[in-house]
Amino acid sequence: MVNQQPLDGIFHALADPTRRAVVHRLLKGAAPVTQLAGPFDMGLPAFLKHLAVLEGAGLIRSEKRGRVRTCHIEADRLGAAETWLSDQRAIWQGRADRLADFIESQTDQEHEI
C-alpha cells in the first residue's frame, strides 16, 4: 500500500475553507502574510495557525525579508493531491461503467425472456 501520510496532511490542510482560500489566492502569486490575512475576520495569531498547517503539509513556504513574511505556493504538492484524485476518479469511473454495462445486460436479458 502506498504511504498516505503526505496526502493525509495535504487533505487535512485543504479541509478548512480559510486555508483553501489562502491556497487559491497564492495560486495567483506570492503575497505577504498581512495581505493574505486581510480578507479574514480573525486575529493574526489565529491566521498564522492556518499558515502553519499549510506549511506543515508542504503546500506553501514562507520567507522573511526584514519585517515582511511572504508566502509562496508549492504547486508540486498540490499536484500530488490532484494525481491521487485523478486516480480515484478513474477507478470509480471504471466501476460505474461496469455497473452500467451489467444493468444494460440484465435489461437486455429481461427483454429476451
PDB file of N, CA and C in Angstrom:
ATOM      1  N   MET A   1       0.839  -1.183   0.000  1.00  0.00           N
ATOM      2  CA  MET A   1       0.000   0.000   0.000  1.00  0.00           C
ATOM      3  C   MET A   1       0.881   1.243   0.000  1.00  0.00           C
ATOM      4  N   VAL A   2       0.480   2.255  -0.729  1.00  0.00           N
ATOM      5  CA  VAL A   2       1.221   3.500  -0.838  1.00  0.00           C
ATOM      6  C   VAL A   2       1.130   4.259   0.483  1.00  0.00           C
ATOM      7  N   ASN A   3       2.220   4.898   0.875  1.00  0.00           N
ATOM      8  CA  ASN A   3       2.232   5.708   2.088  1.00  0.00           C
ATOM      9  C   ASN A   3       1.302   6.899   1.902  1.00  0.00           C
ATOM     10  N   GLN A   4       0.260   6.984   2.710  1.00  0.00           N
ATOM     11  CA  GLN A   4      -0.741   8.032   2.570  1.00  0.00           C
ATOM     12  C   GLN A   4      -0.475   9.236   3.457  1.00  0.00           C
ATOM     13  N   GLN A   5       0.547   9.197   4.322  1.00  0.00           N
ATOM     14  CA  GLN A   5       0.765  10.287   5.261  1.00  0.00           C
ATOM     15  C   GLN A   5       0.909  11.650   4.589  1.00  0.00           C
ATOM     16  N   PRO A   6       1.703  11.799   3.533  1.00  0.00           N
ATOM     17  CA  PRO A   6       1.761  13.118   2.898  1.00  0.00           C
ATOM     18  C   PRO A   6       0.397  13.584   2.395  1.00  0.00           C
ATOM     19  N   LEU A   7      -0.355  12.668   1.812  1.00  0.00           N
ATOM     20  CA  LEU A   7      -1.686  13.034   1.336  1.00  0.00           C
ATOM     21  C   LEU A   7      -2.619  13.373   2.490  1.00  0.00           C
ATOM     22  N   ASP A   8      -2.484  12.665   3.601  1.00  0.00           N
ATOM     23  CA  ASP A   8      -3.308  12.969   4.767  1.00  0.00           C
ATOM     24  C   ASP A   8      -3.109  14.417   5.187  1.00  0.00           C
ATOM     25  N   GLY A   9      -1.862  14.850   5.240  1.00  0.00           N
ATOM     26  CA  GLY A   9      -1.563  16.230   5.625  1.00  0.00           C
ATOM     27  C   GLY A   9      -2.101  17.232   4.628  1.00  0.00           C
ATOM     28  N   ILE A  10      -1.987  16.908   3.354  1.00  0.00           N
ATOM     29  CA  ILE A  10      -2.496  17.814   2.313  1.00  0.00           C
ATOM     30  C   ILE A  10      -4.003  17.947   2.427  1.00  0.00           C
ATOM     31  N   PHE A  11      -4.709  16.818   2.525  1.00  0.00           N
ATOM     32  CA  PHE A  11      -6.166  16.883   2.593  1.00  0.00           C
ATOM     33  C   PHE A  11      -6.644  17.496   3.908  1.00  0.00           C
ATOM     34  N   HIS A  12      -5.920  17.253   4.988  1.00  0.00           N
ATOM     35  CA  HIS A  12      -6.264  17.909   6.256  1.00  0.00           C
ATOM     36  C   HIS A  12      -6.145  19.423   6.088  1.00  0.00           C
ATOM     37  N   ALA A  13      -5.049  19.861   5.487  1.00  0.00           N
ATOM     38  CA  ALA A  13      -4.843  21.294   5.295  1.00  0.00           C
ATOM     39  C   ALA A  13      -5.921  21.902   4.407  1.00  0.00           C
ATOM     40  N   LEU A  14      -6.329  21.177   3.384  1.00  0.00           N
ATOM     41  CA  LEU A  14      -7.332  21.698   2.445  1.00  0.00           C
ATOM     42  C   LEU A  14      -8.760  21.539   2.948  1.00  0.00           C
ATOM     43  N   ALA A  15      -8.935  20.880   4.085  1.00  0.00           N
ATOM     44  CA  ALA A  15     -10.279  20.661   4.621  1.00  0.00           C
ATOM     45  C   ALA A  15     -10.906  21.943   5.163  1.00  0.00           C
ATOM     46  N   ASP A  16     -10.099  22.932   5.439  1.00  0.00           N
ATOM     47  CA  ASP A  16     -10.606  24.174   6.024  1.00  0.00           C
ATOM     48  C   ASP A  16     -10.815  25.235   4.946  1.00  0.00           C
ATOM     49  N   PRO A  17     -11.967  25.918   4.944  1.00  0.00           N
ATOM     50  CA  PRO A  17     -12.222  26.916   3.899  1.00  0.00           C
ATOM     51  C   PRO A  17     -11.248  28.100   3.921  1.00  0.00           C
ATOM     52  N   THR A  18     -10.790  28.483   5.095  1.00  0.00           N
ATOM     53  CA  THR A  18      -9.810  29.578   5.164  1.00  0.00           C
ATOM     54  C   THR A  18      -8.522  29.176   4.465  1.00  0.00           C
ATOM     55  N   ARG A  19      -8.062  27.967   4.740  1.00  0.00           N
ATOM     56  CA  ARG A  19      -6.812  27.515   4.124  1.00  0.00           C
ATOM     57  C   ARG A  19      -6.977  27.319   2.622  1.00  0.00           C
ATOM     58  N   ARG A  20      -8.144  26.824   2.187  1.00  0.00           N
ATOM     59  CA  ARG A  20      -8.374  26.699   0.733  1.00  0.00           C
ATOM     60  C   ARG A  20      -8.355  28.069   0.073  1.00  0.00           C
ATOM     61  N   ALA A  21      -8.922  29.072   0.743  1.00  0.00           N
ATOM     62  CA  ALA A  21      -8.921  30.431   0.187  1.00  0.00           C
ATOM     63  C   ALA A  21      -7.495  30.976   0.091  1.00  0.00           C
ATOM     64  N   VAL A  22      -6.665  30.677   1.071  1.00  0.00           N
ATOM     65  CA  VAL A  22      -5.267  31.117   1.031  1.00  0.00           C
ATOM     66  C   VAL A  22      -4.551  30.451  -0.142  1.00  0.00           C
ATOM     67  N   VAL A  23      -4.747  29.149  -0.301  1.00  0.00           N
ATOM     68  CA  VAL A  23      -4.123  28.436  -1.426  1.00  0.00           C
ATOM     69  C   VAL A  23      -4.593  29.039  -2.745  1.00  0.00           C
ATOM     70  N   HIS A  24      -5.891  29.285  -2.846  1.00  0.00           N
ATOM     71  CA  HIS A  24      -6.450  29.869  -4.078  1.00  0.00           C
ATOM     72  C   HIS A  24      -5.785  31.224  -4.366  1.00  0.00           C
ATOM     73  N   ARG A  25      -5.645  32.038  -3.338  1.00  0.00           N
ATOM     74  CA  ARG A  25      -5.017  33.348  -3.523  1.00  0.00           C
ATOM     75  C   ARG A  25      -3.555  33.205  -3.944  1.00  0.00           C
ATOM     76  N   LEU A  26      -2.837  32.268  -3.317  1.00  0.00           N
ATOM     77  CA  LEU A  26      -1.418  32.105  -3.627  1.00  0.00           C
ATOM     78  C   LEU A  26      -1.186  31.510  -5.012  1.00  0.00           C
ATOM     79  N   LEU A  27      -2.186  30.869  -5.582  1.00  0.00           N
ATOM     80  CA  LEU A  27      -2.046  30.386  -6.959  1.00  0.00           C
ATOM     81  C   LEU A  27      -1.886  31.549  -7.938  1.00  0.00           C
ATOM     82  N   LYS A  28      -2.303  32.737  -7.527  1.00  0.00           N
ATOM     83  CA  LYS A  28      -2.160  33.935  -8.361  1.00  0.00           C
ATOM     84  C   LYS A  28      -0.778  34.570  -8.208  1.00  0.00           C
ATOM     85  N   GLY A  29      -0.057  34.177  -7.150  1.00  0.00           N
ATOM     86  CA  GLY A  29       1.279  34.724  -6.918  1.00  0.00           C
ATOM     87  C   GLY A  29       1.554  34.880  -5.436  1.00  0.00           C
ATOM     88  N   ALA A  30       2.814  35.072  -5.119  1.00  0.00           N
ATOM     89  CA  ALA A  30       3.241  35.219  -3.724  1.00  0.00           C
ATOM     90  C   ALA A  30       2.587  36.453  -3.111  1.00  0.00           C
ATOM     91  N   ALA A  31       2.439  36.406  -1.769  1.00  0.00           N
ATOM     92  CA  ALA A  31       1.827  37.538  -1.073  1.00  0.00           C
ATOM     93  C   ALA A  31       2.343  37.592   0.360  1.00  0.00           C
ATOM     94  N   PRO A  32       2.442  38.804   0.904  1.00  0.00           N
ATOM     95  CA  PRO A  32       2.828  38.937   2.304  1.00  0.00           C
ATOM     96  C   PRO A  32       1.694  38.468   3.221  1.00  0.00           C
ATOM     97  N   VAL A  33       2.063  38.018   4.404  1.00  0.00           N
ATOM     98  CA  VAL A  33       1.092  37.480   5.352  1.00  0.00           C
ATOM     99  C   VAL A  33      -0.005  38.487   5.651  1.00  0.00           C
ATOM    100  N   THR A  34       0.348  39.739   5.850  1.00  0.00           N
ATOM    101  CA  THR A  34      -0.685  40.732   6.193  1.00  0.00           C
ATOM    102  C   THR A  34      -1.702  40.889   5.070  1.00  0.00           C
ATOM    103  N   GLN A  35      -1.266  40.781   3.837  1.00  0.00           N
ATOM    104  CA  GLN A  35      -2.192  40.858   2.704  1.00  0.00           C
ATOM    105  C   GLN A  35      -3.078  39.612   2.650  1.00  0.00           C
ATOM    106  N   LEU A  36      -2.494  38.462   2.916  1.00  0.00           N
ATOM    107  CA  LEU A  36      -3.280  37.221   2.929  1.00  0.00           C
ATOM    108  C   LEU A  36      -4.319  37.234   4.037  1.00  0.00           C
ATOM    109  N   ALA A  37      -3.967  37.777   5.187  1.00  0.00           N
ATOM    110  CA  ALA A  37      -4.856  37.776   6.344  1.00  0.00           C
ATOM    111  C   ALA A  37      -5.988  38.786   6.207  1.00  0.00           C
ATOM    112  N   GLY A  38      -5.805  39.791   5.391  1.00  0.00           N
ATOM    113  CA  GLY A  38      -6.768  40.888   5.267  1.00  0.00           C
ATOM    114  C   GLY A  38      -8.223  40.497   5.110  1.00  0.00           C
ATOM    115  N   PRO A  39      -8.557  39.585   4.199  1.00  0.00           N
ATOM    116  CA  PRO A  39      -9.970  39.273   3.961  1.00  0.00           C
ATOM    117  C   PRO A  39     -10.651  38.461   5.067  1.00  0.00           C
ATOM    118  N   PHE A  40      -9.898  37.989   6.042  1.00  0.00           N
ATOM    119  CA  PHE A  40     -10.466  37.074   7.029  1.00  0.00           C
ATOM    120  C   PHE A  40     -10.765  37.794   8.334  1.00  0.00           C
ATOM    121  N   ASP A  41     -11.899  37.447   8.911  1.00  0.00           N
ATOM    122  CA  ASP A  41     -12.348  38.058  10.158  1.00  0.00           C
ATOM    123  C   ASP A  41     -11.783  37.264  11.335  1.00  0.00           C
ATOM    124  N   MET A  42     -10.465  37.376  11.510  1.00  0.00           N
ATOM    125  CA  MET A  42      -9.804  36.703  12.635  1.00  0.00           C
ATOM    126  C   MET A  42      -8.521  37.454  12.942  1.00  0.00           C
ATOM    127  N   GLY A  43      -8.033  37.246  14.133  1.00  0.00           N
ATOM    128  CA  GLY A  43      -6.784  37.878  14.527  1.00  0.00           C
ATOM    129  C   GLY A  43      -5.608  37.247  13.816  1.00  0.00           C
ATOM    130  N   LEU A  44      -4.520  37.972  13.770  1.00  0.00           N
ATOM    131  CA  LEU A  44      -3.321  37.477  13.100  1.00  0.00           C
ATOM    132  C   LEU A  44      -2.795  36.182  13.723  1.00  0.00           C
ATOM    133  N   PRO A  45      -2.809  36.034  15.067  1.00  0.00           N
ATOM    134  CA  PRO A  45      -2.332  34.762  15.630  1.00  0.00           C
ATOM    135  C   PRO A  45      -3.133  33.553  15.135  1.00  0.00           C
ATOM    136  N   ALA A  46      -4.455  33.711  15.033  1.00  0.00           N
ATOM    137  CA  ALA A  46      -5.285  32.612  14.521  1.00  0.00           C
ATOM    138  C   ALA A  46      -4.975  32.342  13.054  1.00  0.00           C
ATOM    139  N   PHE A  47      -4.784  33.397  12.291  1.00  0.00           N
ATOM    140  CA  PHE A  47      -4.469  33.230  10.873  1.00  0.00           C
ATOM    141  C   PHE A  47      -3.116  32.548  10.692  1.00  0.00           C
ATOM    142  N   LEU A  48      -2.154  32.896  11.538  1.00  0.00           N
ATOM    143  CA  LEU A  48      -0.828  32.277  11.453  1.00  0.00           C
ATOM    144  C   LEU A  48      -0.896  30.777  11.714  1.00  0.00           C
ATOM    145  N   LYS A  49      -1.846  30.342  12.517  1.00  0.00           N
ATOM    146  CA  LYS A  49      -2.023  28.902  12.741  1.00  0.00           C
ATOM    147  C   LYS A  49      -2.451  28.214  11.452  1.00  0.00           C
ATOM    148  N   HIS A  50      -3.308  28.876  10.686  1.00  0.00           N
ATOM    149  CA  HIS A  50      -3.710  28.314   9.390  1.00  0.00           C
ATOM    150  C   HIS A  50      -2.504  28.205   8.464  1.00  0.00           C
ATOM    151  N   LEU A  51      -1.687  29.240   8.440  1.00  0.00           N
ATOM    152  CA  LEU A  51      -0.483  29.194   7.600  1.00  0.00           C
ATOM    153  C   LEU A  51       0.453  28.088   8.050  1.00  0.00           C
ATOM    154  N   ALA A  52       0.548  27.868   9.354  1.00  0.00           N
ATOM    155  CA  ALA A  52       1.416  26.808   9.869  1.00  0.00           C
ATOM    156  C   ALA A  52       0.937  25.437   9.398  1.00  0.00           C
ATOM    157  N   VAL A  53      -0.373  25.232   9.344  1.00  0.00           N
ATOM    158  CA  VAL A  53      -0.906  23.955   8.852  1.00  0.00           C
ATOM    159  C   VAL A  53      -0.563  23.787   7.373  1.00  0.00           C
ATOM    160  N   LEU A  54      -0.734  24.851   6.597  1.00  0.00           N
ATOM    161  CA  LEU A  54      -0.412  24.787   5.167  1.00  0.00           C
ATOM    162  C   LEU A  54       1.085  24.531   4.955  1.00  0.00           C
ATOM    163  N   GLU A  55       1.915  25.175   5.744  1.00  0.00           N
ATOM    164  CA  GLU A  55       3.364  24.941   5.631  1.00  0.00           C
ATOM    165  C   GLU A  55       3.725  23.533   6.066  1.00  0.00           C
ATOM    166  N   GLY A  56       3.098  23.067   7.134  1.00  0.00           N
ATOM    167  CA  GLY A  56       3.358  21.714   7.617  1.00  0.00           C
ATOM    168  C   GLY A  56       3.015  20.656   6.591  1.00  0.00           C
ATOM    169  N   ALA A  57       1.996  20.922   5.789  1.00  0.00           N
ATOM    170  CA  ALA A  57       1.592  19.993   4.735  1.00  0.00           C
ATOM    171  C   ALA A  57       2.439  20.165   3.479  1.00  0.00           C
ATOM    172  N   GLY A  58       3.291  21.170   3.478  1.00  0.00           N
ATOM    173  CA  GLY A  58       4.149  21.413   2.317  1.00  0.00           C
ATOM    174  C   GLY A  58       3.446  22.118   1.179  1.00  0.00           C
ATOM    175  N   LEU A  59       2.261  22.681   1.443  1.00  0.00           N
ATOM    176  CA  LEU A  59       1.524  23.356   0.378  1.00  0.00           C
ATOM    177  C   LEU A  59       2.006  24.777   0.128  1.00  0.00           C
ATOM    178  N   ILE A  60       2.571  25.382   1.158  1.00  0.00           N
ATOM    179  CA  ILE A  60       3.143  26.721   0.992  1.00  0.00           C
ATOM    180  C   ILE A  60       4.500  26.756   1.680  1.00  0.00           C
ATOM    181  N   ARG A  61       5.267  27.766   1.325  1.00  0.00           N
ATOM    182  CA  ARG A  61       6.504  28.056   2.031  1.00  0.00           C
ATOM    183  C   ARG A  61       6.519  29.556   2.255  1.00  0.00           C
ATOM    184  N   SER A  62       7.253  29.969   3.242  1.00  0.00           N
ATOM    185  CA  SER A  62       7.339  31.402   3.504  1.00  0.00           C
ATOM    186  C   SER A  62       8.787  31.795   3.699  1.00  0.00           C
ATOM    187  N   GLU A  63       9.045  33.050   3.436  1.00  0.00           N
ATOM    188  CA  GLU A  63      10.380  33.596   3.639  1.00  0.00           C
ATOM    189  C   GLU A  63      10.231  34.973   4.266  1.00  0.00           C
ATOM    190  N   LYS A  64      11.174  35.286   5.114  1.00  0.00           N
ATOM    191  CA  LYS A  64      11.117  36.571   5.798  1.00  0.00           C
ATOM    192  C   LYS A  64      12.255  37.447   5.304  1.00  0.00           C
ATOM    193  N   ARG A  65      11.889  38.627   4.885  1.00  0.00           N
ATOM    194  CA  ARG A  65      12.870  39.645   4.483  1.00  0.00           C
ATOM    195  C   ARG A  65      12.564  40.896   5.290  1.00  0.00           C
ATOM    196  N   GLY A  66      13.473  41.228   6.157  1.00  0.00           N
ATOM    197  CA  GLY A  66      13.216  42.357   7.047  1.00  0.00           C
ATOM    198  C   GLY A  66      12.060  42.017   7.967  1.00  0.00           C
ATOM    199  N   ARG A  67      11.037  42.843   7.935  1.00  0.00           N
ATOM    200  CA  ARG A  67       9.864  42.610   8.777  1.00  0.00           C
ATOM    201  C   ARG A  67       8.706  41.982   8.015  1.00  0.00           C
ATOM    202  N   VAL A  68       8.912  41.658   6.748  1.00  0.00           N
ATOM    203  CA  VAL A  68       7.825  41.143   5.907  1.00  0.00           C
ATOM    204  C   VAL A  68       8.015  39.649   5.646  1.00  0.00           C
ATOM    205  N   ARG A  69       7.000  38.876   5.996  1.00  0.00           N
ATOM    206  CA  ARG A  69       6.992  37.436   5.698  1.00  0.00           C
ATOM    207  C   ARG A  69       6.092  37.235   4.482  1.00  0.00           C
ATOM    208  N   THR A  70       6.666  36.634   3.436  1.00  0.00           N
ATOM    209  CA  THR A  70       5.953  36.414   2.184  1.00  0.00           C
ATOM    210  C   THR A  70       5.727  34.920   1.992  1.00  0.00           C
ATOM    211  N   CYS A  71       4.522  34.570   1.568  1.00  0.00           N
ATOM    212  CA  CYS A  71       4.172  33.165   1.337  1.00  0.00           C
ATOM    213  C   CYS A  71       4.127  32.872  -0.160  1.00  0.00           C
ATOM    214  N   HIS A  72       4.527  31.656  -0.498  1.00  0.00           N
ATOM    215  CA  HIS A  72       4.547  31.172  -1.879  1.00  0.00           C
ATOM    216  C   HIS A  72       3.868  29.807  -1.906  1.00  0.00           C
ATOM    217  N   ILE A  73       3.211  29.509  -2.999  1.00  0.00           N
ATOM    218  CA  ILE A  73       2.570  28.196  -3.173  1.00  0.00           C
ATOM    219  C   ILE A  73       3.617  27.163  -3.580  1.00  0.00           C
ATOM    220  N   GLU A  74       3.436  25.949  -3.156  1.00  0.00           N
ATOM    221  CA  GLU A  74       4.262  24.818  -3.587  1.00  0.00           C
ATOM    222  C   GLU A  74       3.374  23.950  -4.483  1.00  0.00           C
ATOM    223  N   ALA A  75       3.307  24.307  -5.747  1.00  0.00           N
ATOM    224  CA  ALA A  75       2.359  23.697  -6.681  1.00  0.00           C
ATOM    225  C   ALA A  75       2.559  22.188  -6.845  1.00  0.00           C
ATOM    226  N   ASP A  76       3.791  21.714  -6.718  1.00  0.00           N
ATOM    227  CA  ASP A  76       4.020  20.286  -6.902  1.00  0.00           C
ATOM    228  C   ASP A  76       3.314  19.472  -5.815  1.00  0.00           C
ATOM    229  N   ARG A  77       3.166  20.026  -4.628  1.00  0.00           N
ATOM    230  CA  ARG A  77       2.435  19.322  -3.563  1.00  0.00           C
ATOM    231  C   ARG A  77       0.948  19.259  -3.899  1.00  0.00           C
ATOM    232  N   LEU A  78       0.424  20.297  -4.502  1.00  0.00           N
ATOM    233  CA  LEU A  78      -0.964  20.241  -4.962  1.00  0.00           C
ATOM    234  C   LEU A  78      -1.102  19.182  -6.042  1.00  0.00           C
ATOM    235  N   GLY A  79      -0.073  19.022  -6.840  1.00  0.00           N
ATOM    236  CA  GLY A  79      -0.073  18.008  -7.889  1.00  0.00           C
ATOM    237  C   GLY A  79      -0.212  16.607  -7.333  1.00  0.00           C
ATOM    238  N   ALA A  80       0.365  16.353  -6.154  1.00  0.00           N
ATOM    239  CA  ALA A  80       0.241  15.031  -5.531  1.00  0.00           C
ATOM    240  C   ALA A  80      -1.221  14.731  -5.210  1.00  0.00           C
ATOM    241  N   ALA A  81      -1.924  15.721  -4.677  1.00  0.00           N
ATOM    242  CA  ALA A  81      -3.347  15.531  -4.375  1.00  0.00           C
ATOM    243  C   ALA A  81      -4.148  15.378  -5.665  1.00  0.00           C
ATOM    244  N   GLU A  82      -3.809  16.158  -6.658  1.00  0.00           N
ATOM    245  CA  GLU A  82      -4.510  16.083  -7.940  1.00  0.00           C
ATOM    246  C   GLU A  82      -4.321  14.707  -8.585  1.00  0.00           C
ATOM    247  N   THR A  83      -3.114  14.178  -8.508  1.00  0.00           N
ATOM    248  CA  THR A  83      -2.845  12.846  -9.060  1.00  0.00           C
ATOM    249  C   THR A  83      -3.672  11.788  -8.342  1.00  0.00           C
ATOM    250  N   TRP A  84      -3.717  11.859  -7.021  1.00  0.00           N
ATOM    251  CA  TRP A  84      -4.488  10.887  -6.248  1.00  0.00           C
ATOM    252  C   TRP A  84      -5.973  10.979  -6.619  1.00  0.00           C
ATOM    253  N   LEU A  85      -6.494  12.192  -6.698  1.00  0.00           N
ATOM    254  CA  LEU A  85      -7.909  12.367  -7.063  1.00  0.00           C
ATOM    255  C   LEU A  85      -8.194  11.850  -8.467  1.00  0.00           C
ATOM    256  N   SER A  86      -7.279  12.100  -9.383  1.00  0.00           N
ATOM    257  CA  SER A  86      -7.437  11.621 -10.749  1.00  0.00           C
ATOM    258  C   SER A  86      -7.454  10.096 -10.791  1.00  0.00           C
ATOM    259  N   ASP A  87      -6.556   9.477 -10.031  1.00  0.00           N
ATOM    260  CA  ASP A  87      -6.533   8.015  -9.966  1.00  0.00           C
ATOM    261  C   ASP A  87      -7.841   7.472  -9.404  1.00  0.00           C
ATOM    262  N   GLN A  88      -8.345   8.110  -8.356  1.00  0.00           N
ATOM    263  CA  GLN A  88      -9.604   7.672  -7.755  1.00  0.00           C
ATOM    264  C   GLN A  88     -10.768   7.853  -8.724  1.00  0.00           C
ATOM    265  N   ARG A  89     -10.758   8.961  -9.455  1.00  0.00           N
ATOM    266  CA  ARG A  89     -11.808   9.219 -10.440  1.00  0.00           C
ATOM    267  C   ARG A  89     -11.810   8.122 -11.503  1.00  0.00           C
ATOM    268  N   ALA A  90     -10.634   7.725 -11.956  1.00  0.00           N
ATOM    269  CA  ALA A  90     -10.536   6.672 -12.971  1.00  0.00           C
ATOM    270  C   ALA A  90     -11.062   5.340 -12.438  1.00  0.00           C
ATOM    271  N   ILE A  91     -10.715   5.021 -11.200  1.00  0.00           N
ATOM    272  CA  ILE A  91     -11.203   3.774 -10.594  1.00  0.00           C
ATOM    273  C   ILE A  91     -12.729   3.783 -10.526  1.00  0.00           C
ATOM    274  N   TRP A  92     -13.293   4.856  -9.998  1.00  0.00           N
ATOM    275  CA  TRP A  92     -14.743   4.908  -9.829  1.00  0.00           C
ATOM    276  C   TRP A  92     -15.478   5.032 -11.165  1.00  0.00           C
ATOM    277  N   GLN A  93     -14.859   5.696 -12.127  1.00  0.00           N
ATOM    278  CA  GLN A  93     -15.484   5.763 -13.456  1.00  0.00           C
ATOM    279  C   GLN A  93     -15.534   4.380 -14.075  1.00  0.00           C
ATOM    280  N   GLY A  94     -14.454   3.604 -13.911  1.00  0.00           N
ATOM    281  CA  GLY A  94     -14.440   2.231 -14.407  1.00  0.00           C
ATOM    282  C   GLY A  94     -15.507   1.386 -13.736  1.00  0.00           C
ATOM    283  N   ARG A  95     -15.668   1.536 -12.440  1.00  0.00           N
ATOM    284  CA  ARG A  95     -16.696   0.792 -11.712  1.00  0.00           C
ATOM    285  C   ARG A  95     -18.089   1.196 -12.178  1.00  0.00           C
ATOM    286  N   ALA A  96     -18.303   2.484 -12.371  1.00  0.00           N
ATOM    287  CA  ALA A  96     -19.606   2.960 -12.836  1.00  0.00           C
ATOM    288  C   ALA A  96     -19.902   2.438 -14.242  1.00  0.00           C
ATOM    289  N   ASP A  97     -18.886   2.425 -15.087  1.00  0.00           N
ATOM    290  CA  ASP A  97     -19.071   1.905 -16.445  1.00  0.00           C
ATOM    291  C   ASP A  97     -19.415   0.417 -16.427  1.00  0.00           C
ATOM    292  N   ARG A  98     -18.728  -0.357 -15.578  1.00  0.00           N
ATOM    293  CA  ARG A  98     -19.028  -1.790 -15.474  1.00  0.00           C
ATOM    294  C   ARG A  98     -20.432  -2.020 -14.917  1.00  0.00           C
ATOM    295  N   LEU A  99     -20.844  -1.200 -13.970  1.00  0.00           N
ATOM    296  CA  LEU A  99     -22.192  -1.316 -13.418  1.00  0.00           C
ATOM    297  C   LEU A  99     -23.228  -0.997 -14.496  1.00  0.00           C
ATOM    298  N   ALA A 100     -22.989   0.048 -15.269  1.00  0.00           N
ATOM    299  CA  ALA A 100     -23.905   0.402 -16.352  1.00  0.00           C
ATOM    300  C   ALA A 100     -23.993  -0.729 -17.377  1.00  0.00           C
ATOM    301  N   ASP A 101     -22.857  -1.332 -17.716  1.00  0.00           N
ATOM    302  CA  ASP A 101     -22.851  -2.457 -18.650  1.00  0.00           C
ATOM    303  C   ASP A 101     -23.637  -3.631 -18.081  1.00  0.00           C
ATOM    304  N   PHE A 102     -23.460  -3.901 -16.799  1.00  0.00           N
ATOM    305  CA  PHE A 102     -24.176  -5.001 -16.153  1.00  0.00           C
ATOM    306  C   PHE A 102     -25.681  -4.744 -16.172  1.00  0.00           C
ATOM    307  N   ILE A 103     -26.073  -3.545 -15.810  1.00  0.00           N
ATOM    308  CA  ILE A 103     -27.508  -3.213 -15.793  1.00  0.00           C
ATOM    309  C   ILE A 103     -28.091  -3.320 -17.192  1.00  0.00           C
ATOM    310  N   GLU A 104     -27.356  -2.857 -18.174  1.00  0.00           N
ATOM    311  CA  GLU A 104     -27.818  -2.934 -19.563  1.00  0.00           C
ATOM    312  C   GLU A 104     -27.957  -4.396 -20.000  1.00  0.00           C
ATOM    313  N   SER A 105     -27.003  -5.244 -19.608  1.00  0.00           N
ATOM    314  CA  SER A 105     -27.088  -6.659 -19.989  1.00  0.00           C
ATOM    315  C   SER A 105     -28.275  -7.334 -19.302  1.00  0.00           C
ATOM    316  N   GLN A 106     -28.559  -6.946 -18.068  1.00  0.00           N
ATOM    317  CA  GLN A 106     -29.700  -7.509 -17.356  1.00  0.00           C
ATOM    318  C   GLN A 106     -31.008  -7.064 -18.003  1.00  0.00           C
ATOM    319  N   THR A 107     -31.048  -5.821 -18.416  1.00  0.00           N
ATOM    320  CA  THR A 107     -32.242  -5.302 -19.086  1.00  0.00           C
ATOM    321  C   THR A 107     -32.455  -6.014 -20.414  1.00  0.00           C
ATOM    322  N   ASP A 108     -31.359  -6.224 -21.158  1.00  0.00           N
ATOM    323  CA  ASP A 108     -31.448  -6.942 -22.435  1.00  0.00           C
ATOM    324  C   ASP A 108     -31.943  -8.371 -22.210  1.00  0.00           C
ATOM    325  N   GLN A 109     -31.480  -9.035 -21.166  1.00  0.00           N
ATOM    326  CA  GLN A 109     -31.902 -10.413 -20.871  1.00  0.00           C
ATOM    327  C   GLN A 109     -33.377 -10.452 -20.503  1.00  0.00           C
ATOM    328  N   GLU A 110     -33.857  -9.449 -19.786  1.00  0.00           N
ATOM    329  CA  GLU A 110     -35.268  -9.413 -19.413  1.00  0.00           C
ATOM    330  C   GLU A 110     -36.162  -9.254 -20.642  1.00  0.00           C
ATOM    331  N   HIS A 111     -35.703  -8.478 -21.602  1.00  0.00           N
ATOM    332  CA  HIS A 111     -36.481  -8.270 -22.820  1.00  0.00           C
ATOM    333  C   HIS A 111     -36.506  -9.509 -23.693  1.00  0.00           C
ATOM    334  N   GLU A 112     -35.475 -10.340 -23.588  1.00  0.00           N
ATOM    335  CA  GLU A 112     -35.412 -11.566 -24.390  1.00  0.00           C
ATOM    336  C   GLU A 112     -36.341 -12.640 -23.837  1.00  0.00           C
ATOM    337  N   ILE A 113     -36.641 -12.554 -22.575  1.00  0.00           N
ATOM    338  CA  ILE A 113     -37.473 -13.596 -21.924  1.00  0.00           C
ATOM    339  C   ILE A 113     -38.910 -13.432 -22.254  1.00  0.00           C
TER     340      ILE A 113
END
